[in-house]
Amino acid sequence: MAIINQVLATGVVSYLCMTMGIMYTWPSSVLGLFSSANTTLNRVMSETELSLLGSLSSISAVVTLPFSGYILDRLGRKYTCITFSLLQVSSWAIVIAFKTVEAVLTSIFISGVTSCTFIVIPLYVGEFCQESIRGSMASGVMMFFGIGMLISYLLGGLVQYEIMNYTCLTLTVIGVLLLCYVRESPLMLMKKGFEKEAAKSLAHYRSVPVSSKEVQEEMNNIRRILNPQLDESTAEEEKMRPNFNSAQKLSIWQFFRKSRSSRRALVVSLILNSAVVFQGLVVVQVYAQPLFEQAIPSMSATVSSVIFAVVTVLAGFLAAYLVEALGRKGLMIYSSILAAVCCVILGTQIQFTWGPHWVAALFIYLYCVAYTIGAGTIPYIYSAEVFLPEIKTFASMLIMEWTFMCFFVVLFIFNPLVNCIGLGGVFYIFAVVCGLTSIFCVFFMPETKGLPVDAIQLKFATPRARNKV
């Protein structure tokens, strides 16, 4: 029963990522409509506006992410999710109510604010799930995002523009209602000093009485995590001031300056999240229909996009299993190598057409699988696991700020880059990034599977700090 409670809560929280996936890939379905003479808007979109349609959500994410840490700590995980869900409702309401180019771009900008869910969901899920299923549940981010893509492509190919928008609005409203029934993260409640509420939340997610030994042990673990021993101090210094942690409250910058392990965890997480962007699948997701028209002209772009979304969802389920079976590090290394091979083959096929068109389709889908089980999943889980609670929110915000700056760059320059070097050349660039990612992970990425955060921090610490434990 405990696992069921955690799985259901994960599904409700990750539903927000599904509705975000719908809005994120919506431009793929409407690019052709908005650039044609039959547009439903007040005028035809210009080339710059079409580029903004695909990339503007990344700009809003960059602008608003610095405030996400404050919102997360101020409202808590649950009410932050509800706030973002309401923003999604408002963005679809704007699309439905106003038929202007400016309104659509405003809606895309507002929807981009909800990109903060890539921070919130792994944090939230990681804080109420037990360690044995933490990785699998946190991987729900990409699984539900893939389901959102599938819904978006299906609606875009099968129903009229207005029906699609009303359906999407309904789905976001359902998401707001579902979130009202989940409980706040126990760690967040403890951090705010609500120990009784934290114990009740833990008891709910573990399906045991509040007074049980399991709840008390986890409460003690949370207390220990909230009062860490930083790895810069020597054993002698700790003996001279044994009450340091409880007596002195460090600012975020002081914490980073004092903790080498936290600094190293931040660098590794930033590099892994760079791989999320520059391994390239985000481009396929946002520009799916026009890209498939060029890469696989013998197939319907709508059919290709729907199959692509189905493959993404299935790969998400596979990632949920493999992330616990194989661990984070091995999965990231081998999936990046496979993605590199797929990108090289795709590049040569698109450039020289040495095989039938189904070859391009096959390797795009294989590339999708490789990316989803690796760079599309692992970095989000990793960032939610490696930081202590004092800096977890800030570090996650900083990482996602960098990620969405990269998203904007790669989405905005994609079309000009294709015009300059060709679609095949772009896939060669993706292949190089995939290869460099696997090499980096071999040497610098510690394994975190099944470990509590204090043990994970030790893996980033210096040998001297490890010997103190």
Protein backbone atom coordinates (compact mmCIF):
# COMPACT_ATOMS: atom_id res chain seq x y z
CA MET A 1 0.00 0.00 0.00
CA ALA A 2 2.91 2.35 0.76
CA ILE A 3 4.27 2.00 -2.78
CA ILE A 4 0.80 2.58 -4.23
CA ASN A 5 0.40 5.86 -2.32
CA GLN A 6 3.77 7.08 -3.57
CA VAL A 7 3.09 6.00 -7.17
CA LEU A 8 -0.33 7.70 -7.20
CA ALA A 9 1.11 10.91 -5.74
CA THR A 10 3.90 10.82 -8.31
CA GLY A 11 1.34 10.45 -11.10
CA VAL A 12 -0.68 13.43 -9.87
CA VAL A 13 2.38 15.66 -9.52
CA SER A 14 3.85 14.53 -12.87
CA TYR A 15 0.52 15.25 -14.60
CA LEU A 16 1.66 18.88 -14.54
CA CYS A 17 4.61 17.89 -16.70
CA MET A 18 2.22 16.21 -19.13
CA THR A 19 0.18 19.39 -19.64
CA MET A 20 3.43 21.33 -20.01
CA GLY A 21 4.53 18.84 -22.70
CA ILE A 22 1.31 19.58 -24.60
CA MET A 23 1.96 23.32 -24.62
CA TYR A 24 5.68 22.92 -25.28
CA THR A 25 5.10 20.90 -28.48
CA TRP A 26 1.95 22.78 -29.55
CA PRO A 27 3.98 24.99 -31.96
CA SER A 28 4.80 21.87 -34.01
CA SER A 29 1.10 21.49 -34.86
CA VAL A 30 0.36 25.14 -35.62
CA LEU A 31 3.51 26.41 -37.37
CA GLY A 32 2.08 25.59 -40.79
CA LEU A 33 -1.31 27.12 -39.96
CA PHE A 34 0.08 30.37 -38.54
CA SER A 35 2.42 30.87 -41.53
CA SER A 36 -0.26 30.24 -44.16
CA ALA A 37 -2.86 32.51 -45.74
CA ASN A 38 -5.55 30.46 -43.97
CA THR A 39 -4.27 31.38 -40.50
CA THR A 40 -6.81 31.57 -37.68
CA LEU A 41 -5.05 34.65 -36.31
CA ASN A 42 -5.44 38.30 -37.30
CA ARG A 43 -2.45 38.06 -39.66
CA VAL A 44 0.26 35.72 -40.94
CA MET A 45 3.23 35.29 -38.60
CA SER A 46 6.60 36.56 -39.76
CA GLU A 47 9.73 34.36 -39.77
CA THR A 48 10.95 35.96 -36.53
CA GLU A 49 7.58 35.40 -34.86
CA LEU A 50 7.59 31.76 -35.96
CA SER A 51 11.05 31.35 -34.38
CA LEU A 52 9.74 32.98 -31.20
CA LEU A 53 6.74 30.63 -31.21
CA GLY A 54 9.14 27.73 -30.68
CA SER A 55 11.65 29.45 -28.41
CA LEU A 56 9.79 32.14 -26.41
CA SER A 57 8.90 29.70 -23.63
CA SER A 58 12.62 29.29 -22.98
CA ILE A 59 13.02 33.07 -22.64
CA SER A 60 10.27 33.29 -20.03
CA ALA A 61 11.82 30.36 -18.18
CA VAL A 62 15.16 32.17 -18.05
CA VAL A 63 13.49 35.38 -16.81
CA THR A 64 11.38 33.74 -14.11
CA LEU A 65 13.60 30.90 -12.88
CA PRO A 66 15.59 33.18 -10.52
CA PHE A 67 12.34 33.68 -8.59
CA SER A 68 11.44 29.98 -8.54
CA GLY A 69 13.67 29.25 -5.55
CA TYR A 70 11.85 31.88 -3.50
CA ILE A 71 8.46 30.56 -4.64
CA LEU A 72 9.41 26.95 -3.82
CA ASP A 73 10.54 27.81 -0.31
CA ARG A 74 7.76 30.30 0.32
CA LEU A 75 4.79 28.30 -1.00
CA GLY A 76 6.17 24.79 -0.62
CA ARG A 77 6.23 22.08 -3.26
CA LYS A 78 2.49 21.42 -3.44
CA TYR A 79 1.27 25.01 -3.77
CA THR A 80 4.02 25.85 -6.23
CA CYS A 81 2.68 23.06 -8.46
CA ILE A 82 -0.85 24.44 -8.10
CA THR A 83 0.37 27.94 -9.01
CA PHE A 84 2.05 26.67 -12.16
CA SER A 85 -1.07 24.70 -13.10
CA LEU A 86 -3.15 27.86 -12.83
CA LEU A 87 -0.68 29.65 -15.12
CA GLN A 88 -1.19 26.89 -17.70
CA VAL A 89 -4.94 27.40 -17.45
CA SER A 90 -4.50 31.13 -18.05
CA SER A 91 -2.24 30.59 -21.07
CA TRP A 92 -4.80 28.37 -22.83
CA ALA A 93 -7.58 30.81 -21.91
CA ILE A 94 -5.63 33.59 -23.68
CA VAL A 95 -5.19 31.46 -26.83
CA ILE A 96 -8.93 30.73 -26.90
CA ALA A 97 -10.13 34.26 -26.07
CA PHE A 98 -7.85 36.27 -28.38
CA LYS A 99 -7.10 35.59 -32.06
CA THR A 100 -4.03 37.78 -32.46
CA VAL A 101 -0.37 36.97 -33.01
CA GLU A 102 0.57 39.01 -29.94
CA ALA A 103 -1.86 37.06 -27.74
CA VAL A 104 -0.47 33.71 -28.89
CA LEU A 105 3.11 34.79 -28.21
CA THR A 106 2.05 36.13 -24.79
CA SER A 107 0.45 32.80 -24.03
CA ILE A 108 3.64 30.96 -25.00
CA PHE A 109 5.61 33.30 -22.73
CA ILE A 110 3.28 32.58 -19.78
CA SER A 111 3.41 28.84 -20.40
CA GLY A 112 7.21 29.02 -20.30
CA VAL A 113 7.03 30.11 -16.67
CA THR A 114 5.73 26.64 -15.85
CA SER A 115 8.99 25.17 -17.12
CA CYS A 116 10.02 25.47 -13.47
CA THR A 117 8.20 22.16 -13.05
CA PHE A 118 11.41 20.49 -14.23
CA ILE A 119 12.79 21.66 -10.87
CA VAL A 120 9.72 21.13 -8.74
CA ILE A 121 8.63 17.64 -9.75
CA PRO A 122 11.94 15.75 -9.22
CA LEU A 123 12.43 17.61 -5.91
CA TYR A 124 8.90 16.94 -4.72
CA VAL A 125 8.86 13.29 -5.78
CA GLY A 126 12.35 12.66 -4.37
CA GLU A 127 11.27 14.01 -1.00
CA PHE A 128 8.20 11.83 -0.45
CA CYS A 129 9.35 8.60 -2.16
CA GLN A 130 11.48 6.01 -0.40
CA GLU A 131 15.01 5.54 -1.72
CA SER A 132 14.34 2.15 -3.36
CA ILE A 133 11.95 3.72 -5.92
CA ARG A 134 13.11 7.36 -5.86
CA GLY A 135 14.89 7.22 -9.23
CA SER A 136 12.08 5.42 -11.03
CA MET A 137 9.45 7.81 -9.72
CA ALA A 138 11.50 10.94 -10.48
CA SER A 139 11.88 9.72 -14.05
CA GLY A 140 8.14 10.34 -14.39
CA VAL A 141 9.08 13.86 -15.48
CA MET A 142 10.07 12.73 -18.97
CA MET A 143 7.53 9.91 -19.12
CA PHE A 144 4.62 12.30 -18.60
CA PHE A 145 6.24 14.93 -20.82
CA GLY A 146 6.26 12.28 -23.57
CA ILE A 147 2.58 11.56 -22.96
CA GLY A 148 1.92 15.30 -23.32
CA MET A 149 3.81 15.29 -26.62
CA LEU A 150 1.72 12.36 -27.84
CA ILE A 151 -1.54 14.11 -26.93
CA SER A 152 -0.37 17.32 -28.62
CA TYR A 153 0.63 15.59 -31.87
CA LEU A 154 -2.58 13.53 -31.94
CA LEU A 155 -4.81 16.54 -31.35
CA GLY A 156 -2.86 18.60 -33.88
CA GLY A 157 -3.27 15.94 -36.55
CA LEU A 158 -6.83 14.77 -35.86
CA VAL A 159 -8.98 17.68 -34.64
CA GLN A 160 -9.63 21.30 -35.54
CA TYR A 161 -7.57 24.11 -34.04
CA GLU A 162 -10.35 25.35 -31.70
CA ILE A 163 -11.23 21.85 -30.46
CA MET A 164 -7.58 21.20 -29.67
CA ASN A 165 -7.33 24.38 -27.60
CA TYR A 166 -10.50 23.67 -25.60
CA THR A 167 -9.36 20.10 -24.95
CA CYS A 168 -6.01 21.33 -23.66
CA LEU A 169 -7.71 23.88 -21.41
CA THR A 170 -9.87 21.12 -19.92
CA LEU A 171 -6.82 18.94 -19.24
CA THR A 172 -5.06 21.74 -17.36
CA VAL A 173 -8.13 22.41 -15.20
CA ILE A 174 -8.21 18.71 -14.27
CA GLY A 175 -4.56 19.01 -13.25
CA VAL A 176 -5.34 21.82 -10.80
CA LEU A 177 -8.11 19.76 -9.18
CA LEU A 178 -5.93 16.64 -8.84
CA LEU A 179 -3.15 18.56 -7.09
CA CYS A 180 -5.52 19.58 -4.29
CA TYR A 181 -5.44 15.99 -3.00
CA VAL A 182 -1.68 15.40 -2.63
CA ARG A 183 0.25 16.14 0.57
CA GLU A 184 3.19 18.44 1.08
CA SER A 185 6.73 17.03 1.14
CA PRO A 186 7.75 15.82 4.64
CA LEU A 187 11.19 17.40 4.24
CA MET A 188 9.65 20.75 3.31
CA LEU A 189 7.37 20.63 6.36
CA MET A 190 10.32 19.79 8.62
CA LYS A 191 12.33 22.62 7.09
CA LYS A 192 9.53 25.02 8.05
CA GLY A 193 9.37 23.60 11.58
CA PHE A 194 6.08 21.69 11.22
CA GLU A 195 7.24 18.38 12.70
CA LYS A 196 3.77 16.99 13.48
CA GLU A 197 2.55 17.69 9.95
CA ALA A 198 5.75 16.18 8.55
CA ALA A 199 5.19 13.01 10.57
CA LYS A 200 1.59 12.77 9.29
CA SER A 201 2.76 13.25 5.71
CA LEU A 202 5.40 10.52 6.11
CA ALA A 203 2.87 8.19 7.70
CA HIS A 204 0.54 8.74 4.74
CA TYR A 205 3.20 8.07 2.10
CA ARG A 206 4.50 5.00 4.00
CA SER A 207 1.00 3.72 4.94
CA VAL A 208 1.99 3.27 8.60
CA PRO A 209 0.82 4.88 11.86
CA VAL A 210 2.38 8.22 12.84
CA SER A 211 3.86 6.63 15.97
CA SER A 212 5.55 3.78 14.05
CA LYS A 213 9.30 3.12 14.22
CA GLU A 214 9.63 3.65 10.45
CA VAL A 215 8.27 7.18 10.65
CA GLN A 216 10.51 8.04 13.62
CA GLU A 217 13.60 6.73 11.83
CA GLU A 218 12.84 8.74 8.69
CA MET A 219 12.17 11.83 10.79
CA ASN A 220 15.61 11.39 12.37
CA ASN A 221 17.16 10.99 8.90
CA ILE A 222 15.54 14.25 7.78
CA ARG A 223 16.84 16.03 10.91
CA ARG A 224 20.35 14.77 10.12
CA ILE A 225 20.10 15.92 6.50
CA LEU A 226 18.91 19.35 7.64
CA ASN A 227 21.99 19.66 9.89
CA PRO A 228 24.87 18.44 7.73
CA GLN A 229 28.58 18.35 8.50
CA LEU A 230 30.36 20.28 5.78
CA ASP A 231 33.42 18.71 4.25
CA GLU A 232 35.82 21.65 4.49
CA SER A 233 36.23 21.47 8.26
CA THR A 234 38.85 19.18 9.71
CA ALA A 235 38.08 16.67 12.45
CA GLU A 236 39.92 18.86 14.96
CA GLU A 237 37.84 21.91 14.05
CA GLU A 238 34.63 19.91 14.51
CA LYS A 239 35.74 18.82 18.00
CA MET A 240 36.46 22.44 18.99
CA ARG A 241 32.97 23.58 17.92
CA PRO A 242 30.66 20.54 18.06
CA ASN A 243 27.47 22.64 17.90
CA PHE A 244 28.51 24.54 14.81
CA ASN A 245 25.67 23.31 12.59
CA SER A 246 22.86 24.18 14.92
CA ALA A 247 24.44 27.41 16.20
CA GLN A 248 25.42 29.05 12.93
CA LYS A 249 23.12 29.49 9.97
CA LEU A 250 25.05 29.84 6.72
CA SER A 251 23.89 31.81 3.71
CA ILE A 252 23.74 29.97 0.39
CA TRP A 253 27.01 31.51 -0.81
CA GLN A 254 28.74 30.71 2.51
CA PHE A 255 27.45 27.17 2.25
CA PHE A 256 28.86 26.72 -1.26
CA ARG A 257 32.16 28.30 -0.25
CA LYS A 258 32.47 25.98 2.73
CA SER A 259 31.34 22.77 1.02
CA ARG A 260 33.62 21.49 -1.73
CA SER A 261 31.29 18.56 -2.36
CA SER A 262 28.37 20.90 -3.09
CA ARG A 263 30.47 22.92 -5.52
CA ARG A 264 31.56 19.78 -7.34
CA ALA A 265 27.99 18.47 -7.43
CA LEU A 266 26.88 21.78 -8.98
CA VAL A 267 29.52 21.63 -11.73
CA VAL A 268 28.66 18.03 -12.63
CA SER A 269 24.93 18.82 -12.67
CA LEU A 270 25.45 21.87 -14.90
CA ILE A 271 27.39 19.81 -17.43
CA LEU A 272 24.82 17.00 -17.40
CA ASN A 273 22.00 19.47 -17.97
CA SER A 274 23.95 21.00 -20.86
CA ALA A 275 23.79 17.52 -22.39
CA VAL A 276 19.99 17.62 -22.01
CA VAL A 277 19.94 20.49 -24.51
CA PHE A 278 22.85 19.97 -26.86
CA GLN A 279 22.32 16.27 -27.45
CA GLY A 280 19.56 17.72 -29.58
CA LEU A 281 16.29 15.87 -29.12
CA VAL A 282 14.56 19.03 -27.88
CA VAL A 283 14.81 20.34 -31.45
CA VAL A 284 13.03 17.25 -32.77
CA GLN A 285 10.31 17.64 -30.14
CA VAL A 286 9.53 21.29 -30.87
CA TYR A 287 9.95 21.22 -34.66
CA ALA A 288 8.74 17.63 -35.17
CA GLN A 289 6.41 18.07 -38.15
CA PRO A 290 8.63 20.30 -40.35
CA LEU A 291 11.70 18.24 -39.42
CA PHE A 292 10.02 14.95 -40.33
CA GLU A 293 8.84 16.45 -43.62
CA GLN A 294 12.47 17.11 -44.53
CA ALA A 295 14.07 13.97 -43.05
CA ILE A 296 11.37 11.43 -44.00
CA PRO A 297 9.46 12.87 -46.99
CA SER A 298 7.90 9.51 -47.84
CA MET A 299 5.90 9.42 -44.56
CA SER A 300 3.14 11.69 -43.29
CA ALA A 301 4.65 14.24 -40.89
CA THR A 302 1.70 13.79 -38.51
CA VAL A 303 2.10 10.00 -38.44
CA SER A 304 5.86 10.35 -37.93
CA SER A 305 5.31 12.79 -35.06
CA VAL A 306 2.76 10.56 -33.35
CA ILE A 307 5.03 7.52 -33.62
CA PHE A 308 7.86 9.68 -32.24
CA ALA A 309 5.73 10.62 -29.21
CA VAL A 310 4.70 6.99 -28.62
CA VAL A 311 8.36 5.95 -28.71
CA THR A 312 9.18 8.73 -26.21
CA VAL A 313 6.50 7.48 -23.80
CA LEU A 314 7.63 3.85 -24.06
CA ALA A 315 11.24 4.92 -23.61
CA GLY A 316 10.16 6.81 -20.49
CA PHE A 317 8.77 3.59 -18.99
CA LEU A 318 11.98 1.81 -19.94
CA ALA A 319 14.02 4.58 -18.29
CA ALA A 320 11.99 4.22 -15.09
CA TYR A 321 13.09 0.57 -14.89
CA LEU A 322 16.68 0.96 -16.05
CA VAL A 323 17.51 3.90 -13.80
CA GLU A 324 17.22 1.62 -10.76
CA ALA A 325 18.39 -1.58 -12.44
CA LEU A 326 21.57 -0.16 -14.01
CA GLY A 327 22.13 3.01 -12.00
CA ARG A 328 22.51 6.61 -13.16
CA LYS A 329 26.14 6.63 -14.30
CA GLY A 330 26.17 3.51 -16.50
CA LEU A 331 22.86 4.41 -18.11
CA MET A 332 24.09 7.92 -18.93
CA ILE A 333 27.35 6.64 -20.46
CA TYR A 334 25.93 3.93 -22.70
CA SER A 335 22.84 5.85 -23.79
CA SER A 336 25.03 8.80 -24.84
CA ILE A 337 27.24 6.48 -26.92
CA LEU A 338 24.16 5.00 -28.61
CA ALA A 339 22.75 8.48 -29.26
CA ALA A 340 26.07 9.54 -30.84
CA VAL A 341 26.00 6.56 -33.21
CA CYS A 342 22.39 7.30 -34.18
CA CYS A 343 23.18 10.97 -34.88
CA VAL A 344 26.12 10.07 -37.13
CA ILE A 345 23.98 7.62 -39.12
CA LEU A 346 21.14 10.15 -39.35
CA GLY A 347 23.51 12.86 -40.52
CA THR A 348 24.95 10.73 -43.30
CA GLN A 349 21.53 9.43 -44.36
CA ILE A 350 20.05 12.94 -44.56
CA GLN A 351 23.12 14.32 -46.35
CA PHE A 352 23.80 11.51 -48.82
CA THR A 353 20.50 9.49 -48.84
CA TRP A 354 22.46 6.22 -48.96
CA GLY A 355 19.43 4.17 -47.87
CA PRO A 356 15.63 4.22 -48.08
CA HIS A 357 13.73 6.83 -46.08
CA TRP A 358 12.69 4.32 -43.44
CA VAL A 359 16.35 4.21 -42.34
CA ALA A 360 16.09 7.84 -41.22
CA ALA A 361 12.82 7.07 -39.42
CA LEU A 362 14.29 4.03 -37.66
CA PHE A 363 17.34 5.91 -36.37
CA ILE A 364 15.36 8.99 -35.31
CA TYR A 365 13.24 6.71 -33.12
CA LEU A 366 16.29 4.83 -31.83
CA TYR A 367 17.95 8.17 -31.11
CA CYS A 368 14.80 9.16 -29.21
CA VAL A 369 15.03 6.01 -27.06
CA ALA A 370 18.74 6.51 -26.36
CA TYR A 371 18.24 10.15 -25.40
CA THR A 372 15.15 9.56 -23.25
CA ILE A 373 16.70 6.83 -21.10
CA GLY A 374 19.86 8.90 -20.67
CA ALA A 375 20.16 12.68 -21.07
CA GLY A 376 16.40 13.10 -21.18
CA THR A 377 15.94 11.59 -17.71
CA ILE A 378 19.12 11.19 -15.66
CA PRO A 379 20.13 14.87 -15.21
CA TYR A 380 16.72 15.78 -13.74
CA ILE A 381 16.93 12.90 -11.24
CA TYR A 382 20.57 13.65 -10.50
CA SER A 383 19.98 17.33 -9.68
CA ALA A 384 17.23 16.34 -7.27
CA GLU A 385 19.48 13.84 -5.46
CA VAL A 386 22.92 15.39 -5.01
CA PHE A 387 22.27 18.58 -3.01
CA LEU A 388 21.62 19.08 0.70
CA PRO A 389 18.27 20.72 1.62
CA GLU A 390 19.86 24.08 2.52
CA ILE A 391 20.89 24.70 -1.08
CA LYS A 392 18.78 22.21 -3.04
CA THR A 393 16.21 24.76 -4.20
CA PHE A 394 18.80 27.39 -5.13
CA ALA A 395 21.07 24.89 -6.90
CA SER A 396 18.15 23.44 -8.86
CA MET A 397 17.06 26.93 -9.89
CA LEU A 398 20.58 27.82 -11.03
CA ILE A 399 20.87 24.60 -13.05
CA MET A 400 17.52 25.06 -14.76
CA GLU A 401 18.29 28.73 -15.46
CA TRP A 402 21.37 27.59 -17.37
CA THR A 403 19.41 24.80 -19.07
CA PHE A 404 16.71 27.10 -20.42
CA MET A 405 19.23 29.66 -21.62
CA CYS A 406 20.70 26.81 -23.66
CA PHE A 407 17.19 25.77 -24.78
CA PHE A 408 16.52 29.24 -26.15
CA VAL A 409 19.84 29.35 -28.00
CA VAL A 410 19.47 25.93 -29.65
CA LEU A 411 15.80 26.47 -30.61
CA PHE A 412 16.29 29.99 -31.92
CA ILE A 413 19.35 29.17 -34.06
CA PHE A 414 18.12 25.77 -35.29
CA ASN A 415 16.39 26.97 -38.47
CA PRO A 416 19.21 29.39 -39.48
CA LEU A 417 21.76 26.66 -38.71
CA VAL A 418 19.93 24.15 -40.91
CA ASN A 419 19.88 26.72 -43.72
CA CYS A 420 23.62 27.25 -43.26
CA ILE A 421 25.06 23.73 -42.84
CA GLY A 422 22.10 21.47 -43.58
CA LEU A 423 20.09 19.17 -41.33
CA GLY A 424 22.74 16.46 -41.64
CA GLY A 425 25.42 18.81 -40.34
CA VAL A 426 23.30 19.68 -37.31
CA PHE A 427 23.09 15.99 -36.40
CA TYR A 428 26.90 15.74 -36.60
CA ILE A 429 27.11 18.47 -33.95
CA PHE A 430 24.67 16.53 -31.77
CA ALA A 431 26.84 13.41 -32.20
CA VAL A 432 29.94 15.23 -30.94
CA VAL A 433 28.07 16.43 -27.85
CA CYS A 434 26.80 12.90 -27.14
CA GLY A 435 30.33 11.50 -27.37
CA LEU A 436 31.78 14.17 -25.08
CA THR A 437 28.99 13.53 -22.56
CA SER A 438 29.84 9.83 -22.27
CA ILE A 439 33.55 10.62 -21.76
CA PHE A 440 32.75 13.18 -19.05
CA CYS A 441 30.47 10.75 -17.21
CA VAL A 442 33.14 8.03 -17.13
CA PHE A 443 35.56 10.23 -15.21
CA PHE A 444 33.51 12.76 -13.24
CA MET A 445 29.99 11.44 -12.53
CA PRO A 446 29.59 9.56 -9.21
CA GLU A 447 26.86 6.92 -8.92
CA THR A 448 23.92 7.93 -6.68
CA LYS A 449 21.61 4.91 -6.99
CA GLY A 450 19.88 4.07 -3.70
CA LEU A 451 21.99 6.44 -1.58
CA PRO A 452 20.78 9.10 0.89
CA VAL A 453 21.93 12.64 0.19
CA ASP A 454 24.61 12.71 2.91
CA ALA A 455 26.24 9.59 1.42
CA ILE A 456 26.01 11.11 -2.06
CA GLN A 457 27.75 14.26 -0.84
CA LEU A 458 30.66 12.13 0.39
CA LYS A 459 31.18 10.85 -3.16
CA PHE A 460 31.84 14.43 -4.24
CA ALA A 461 34.01 15.20 -1.23
CA THR A 462 37.82 15.16 -1.02
CA PRO A 463 39.56 12.00 0.29
CA ARG A 464 40.34 13.82 3.55
CA ALA A 465 36.67 14.56 4.12
CA ARG A 466 35.74 10.94 3.40
CA ASN A 467 38.28 9.69 5.94
CA LYS A 468 36.66 11.80 8.64
CA VAL A 469 33.45 9.76 8.41
